[in-house]
Amino acid sequence: MSGTELTVTLSGGSTTDARAVVRALEPAFGAAQELPADDNATVHTATFDSTDDLPAGVAESGAGQLSAPVTVTVQGTPQAVEKASDALALAFPVHDQGTASGDQEQERQLLLEP
């Protein structure tokens, strides 16, 4: 994982819910490499690159709509993980379920509510 990459893993909810979560991160990180698309998948992933070149923008408060709870794991530099957590907290009701830190990266699990 490069220093400016953020990886997001999503489970629960639908493909539409996964896309809503990814889109909520776009103001802060730019477009994901690929939007979740497989309607049969139970876990979706999205990767964002080059987060350093973007402004510190975040999604508008209450911008997201989910049909069911979604568990999101964000992994990247501590700064990217914090920025993603803040963006998601503005878009959805969020429950922080824990953080694990490595040498140069961090992983945080969040539960997003509809």
C-alpha atoms as a PDB file:
ATOM      1  CA  MET A   1       0.000   0.000   0.000  1.00  0.00           C
ATOM      2  CA  SER A   2       1.456   3.363  -0.986  1.00  0.00           C
ATOM      3  CA  GLY A   3       1.518   6.284   1.437  1.00  0.00           C
ATOM      4  CA  THR A   4      -1.437   7.941  -0.258  1.00  0.00           C
ATOM      5  CA  GLU A   5      -3.707   4.960  -0.817  1.00  0.00           C
ATOM      6  CA  LEU A   6      -6.916   4.271   1.088  1.00  0.00           C
ATOM      7  CA  THR A   7      -8.597   0.880   0.860  1.00  0.00           C
ATOM      8  CA  VAL A   8     -12.237   0.505   1.894  1.00  0.00           C
ATOM      9  CA  THR A   9     -13.939  -2.857   2.491  1.00  0.00           C
ATOM     10  CA  LEU A  10     -17.726  -2.912   2.870  1.00  0.00           C
ATOM     11  CA  SER A  11     -20.069  -5.678   3.995  1.00  0.00           C
ATOM     12  CA  GLY A  12     -23.765  -5.727   4.774  1.00  0.00           C
ATOM     13  CA  GLY A  13     -26.322  -3.768   2.827  1.00  0.00           C
ATOM     14  CA  SER A  14     -26.617  -3.829  -0.945  1.00  0.00           C
ATOM     15  CA  THR A  15     -24.409  -2.874  -3.857  1.00  0.00           C
ATOM     16  CA  THR A  16     -26.312   0.430  -3.936  1.00  0.00           C
ATOM     17  CA  ASP A  17     -25.409   0.977  -0.266  1.00  0.00           C
ATOM     18  CA  ALA A  18     -21.743   0.226  -1.029  1.00  0.00           C
ATOM     19  CA  ARG A  19     -21.802   2.772  -3.864  1.00  0.00           C
ATOM     20  CA  ALA A  20     -23.357   5.378  -1.537  1.00  0.00           C
ATOM     21  CA  VAL A  21     -20.525   4.872   0.950  1.00  0.00           C
ATOM     22  CA  VAL A  22     -17.862   5.159  -1.763  1.00  0.00           C
ATOM     23  CA  ARG A  23     -19.507   8.307  -3.143  1.00  0.00           C
ATOM     24  CA  ALA A  24     -19.552   9.834   0.353  1.00  0.00           C
ATOM     25  CA  LEU A  25     -15.739   9.530   0.372  1.00  0.00           C
ATOM     26  CA  GLU A  26     -15.214  11.108  -3.066  1.00  0.00           C
ATOM     27  CA  PRO A  27     -15.247  14.772  -1.911  1.00  0.00           C
ATOM     28  CA  ALA A  28     -12.332  13.953   0.403  1.00  0.00           C
ATOM     29  CA  PHE A  29     -10.440  11.455  -1.774  1.00  0.00           C
ATOM     30  CA  GLY A  30     -11.529  11.863  -5.402  1.00  0.00           C
ATOM     31  CA  ALA A  31     -13.030   9.069  -7.453  1.00  0.00           C
ATOM     32  CA  ALA A  32     -12.402   5.474  -6.447  1.00  0.00           C
ATOM     33  CA  GLN A  33     -10.544   3.292  -8.918  1.00  0.00           C
ATOM     34  CA  GLU A  34     -13.805   1.392  -9.438  1.00  0.00           C
ATOM     35  CA  LEU A  35     -17.311   1.578  -7.959  1.00  0.00           C
ATOM     36  CA  PRO A  36     -18.834  -1.554  -6.400  1.00  0.00           C
ATOM     37  CA  ALA A  37     -20.817  -3.254  -9.174  1.00  0.00           C
ATOM     38  CA  ASP A  38     -21.368  -6.961  -8.476  1.00  0.00           C
ATOM     39  CA  ASP A  39     -24.919  -7.384  -7.157  1.00  0.00           C
ATOM     40  CA  ASN A  40     -24.075 -10.940  -6.008  1.00  0.00           C
ATOM     41  CA  ALA A  41     -21.077  -9.915  -3.871  1.00  0.00           C
ATOM     42  CA  THR A  42     -21.352  -9.953  -0.085  1.00  0.00           C
ATOM     43  CA  VAL A  43     -18.164  -7.899   0.372  1.00  0.00           C
ATOM     44  CA  HIS A  44     -17.216  -4.889  -1.748  1.00  0.00           C
ATOM     45  CA  THR A  45     -13.892  -3.088  -1.934  1.00  0.00           C
ATOM     46  CA  ALA A  46     -12.836   0.294  -3.245  1.00  0.00           C
ATOM     47  CA  THR A  47      -9.415   1.883  -3.480  1.00  0.00           C
ATOM     48  CA  PHE A  48      -8.613   5.573  -3.581  1.00  0.00           C
ATOM     49  CA  ASP A  49      -5.201   6.850  -4.773  1.00  0.00           C
ATOM     50  CA  SER A  50      -3.333  10.138  -4.491  1.00  0.00           C
ATOM     51  CA  THR A  51      -5.265  11.567  -1.575  1.00  0.00           C
ATOM     52  CA  ASP A  52      -2.573  14.185  -0.923  1.00  0.00           C
ATOM     53  CA  ASP A  53      -3.501  16.325  -3.954  1.00  0.00           C
ATOM     54  CA  LEU A  54      -7.116  16.921  -2.916  1.00  0.00           C
ATOM     55  CA  PRO A  55      -8.567  19.558  -0.611  1.00  0.00           C
ATOM     56  CA  ALA A  56      -9.671  18.523   2.852  1.00  0.00           C
ATOM     57  CA  GLY A  57     -13.328  18.484   1.750  1.00  0.00           C
ATOM     58  CA  VAL A  58     -15.825  16.064   3.191  1.00  0.00           C
ATOM     59  CA  ALA A  59     -19.304  14.971   2.280  1.00  0.00           C
ATOM     60  CA  GLU A  60     -22.267  17.103   3.264  1.00  0.00           C
ATOM     61  CA  SER A  61     -23.957  16.210   6.508  1.00  0.00           C
ATOM     62  CA  GLY A  62     -26.660  13.594   6.036  1.00  0.00           C
ATOM     63  CA  ALA A  63     -25.784  13.111   2.360  1.00  0.00           C
ATOM     64  CA  GLY A  64     -26.011   9.318   2.438  1.00  0.00           C
ATOM     65  CA  GLN A  65     -28.963   6.952   2.320  1.00  0.00           C
ATOM     66  CA  LEU A  66     -28.525   3.294   3.277  1.00  0.00           C
ATOM     67  CA  SER A  67     -31.098   0.518   3.149  1.00  0.00           C
ATOM     68  CA  ALA A  68     -29.359  -1.527   5.869  1.00  0.00           C
ATOM     69  CA  PRO A  69     -26.399  -1.273   8.266  1.00  0.00           C
ATOM     70  CA  VAL A  70     -23.018  -1.449   6.504  1.00  0.00           C
ATOM     71  CA  THR A  71     -19.741  -2.466   8.135  1.00  0.00           C
ATOM     72  CA  VAL A  72     -16.853  -0.475   6.684  1.00  0.00           C
ATOM     73  CA  THR A  73     -13.162  -1.126   7.213  1.00  0.00           C
ATOM     74  CA  VAL A  74     -10.853   1.700   6.127  1.00  0.00           C
ATOM     75  CA  GLN A  75      -7.125   1.066   5.828  1.00  0.00           C
ATOM     76  CA  GLY A  76      -4.339   3.507   5.004  1.00  0.00           C
ATOM     77  CA  THR A  77      -2.145   6.093   6.624  1.00  0.00           C
ATOM     78  CA  PRO A  78      -3.429   7.372   9.969  1.00  0.00           C
ATOM     79  CA  GLN A  79      -4.259  10.704   8.291  1.00  0.00           C
ATOM     80  CA  ALA A  80      -6.229   9.037   5.474  1.00  0.00           C
ATOM     81  CA  VAL A  81      -8.119   6.802   7.909  1.00  0.00           C
ATOM     82  CA  GLU A  82      -9.045   9.791  10.079  1.00  0.00           C
ATOM     83  CA  LYS A  83     -10.126  11.803   7.019  1.00  0.00           C
ATOM     84  CA  ALA A  84     -12.288   8.891   5.799  1.00  0.00           C
ATOM     85  CA  SER A  85     -13.828   8.407   9.236  1.00  0.00           C
ATOM     86  CA  ASP A  86     -14.691  12.111   9.437  1.00  0.00           C
ATOM     87  CA  ALA A  87     -16.219  12.105   5.942  1.00  0.00           C
ATOM     88  CA  LEU A  88     -18.350   9.055   6.710  1.00  0.00           C
ATOM     89  CA  ALA A  89     -19.469  10.497  10.068  1.00  0.00           C
ATOM     90  CA  LEU A  90     -20.863  13.526   8.270  1.00  0.00           C
ATOM     91  CA  ALA A  91     -22.722  11.421   5.717  1.00  0.00           C
ATOM     92  CA  PHE A  92     -24.113   8.620   7.922  1.00  0.00           C
ATOM     93  CA  PRO A  93     -24.749   7.752  11.565  1.00  0.00           C
ATOM     94  CA  VAL A  94     -21.461   6.005  12.510  1.00  0.00           C
ATOM     95  CA  HIS A  95     -20.417   3.719  15.347  1.00  0.00           C
ATOM     96  CA  ASP A  96     -16.641   3.296  15.692  1.00  0.00           C
ATOM     97  CA  GLN A  97     -15.955  -0.396  16.316  1.00  0.00           C
ATOM     98  CA  GLY A  98     -12.213  -0.185  16.842  1.00  0.00           C
ATOM     99  CA  THR A  99      -8.839   0.702  15.409  1.00  0.00           C
ATOM    100  CA  ALA A 100      -5.664  -1.279  14.852  1.00  0.00           C
ATOM    101  CA  SER A 101      -2.386   0.474  14.115  1.00  0.00           C
ATOM    102  CA  GLY A 102       0.624  -0.923  12.320  1.00  0.00           C
ATOM    103  CA  ASP A 103       4.036   0.556  11.685  1.00  0.00           C
ATOM    104  CA  GLN A 104       2.926   3.089   9.057  1.00  0.00           C
ATOM    105  CA  GLU A 105      -0.737   2.341   8.491  1.00  0.00           C
ATOM    106  CA  GLN A 106      -3.951   2.112  10.410  1.00  0.00           C
ATOM    107  CA  GLU A 107      -7.170   0.146  10.074  1.00  0.00           C
ATOM    108  CA  ARG A 108     -10.508   1.256  11.512  1.00  0.00           C
ATOM    109  CA  GLN A 109     -13.838  -0.554  11.473  1.00  0.00           C
ATOM    110  CA  LEU A 110     -17.040   1.481  11.412  1.00  0.00           C
ATOM    111  CA  LEU A 111     -20.700   0.502  11.463  1.00  0.00           C
ATOM    112  CA  LEU A 112     -22.829   2.832   9.340  1.00  0.00           C
ATOM    113  CA  GLU A 113     -26.542   2.932  10.141  1.00  0.00           C
ATOM    114  CA  PRO A 114     -29.406   3.703   7.724  1.00  0.00           C
END
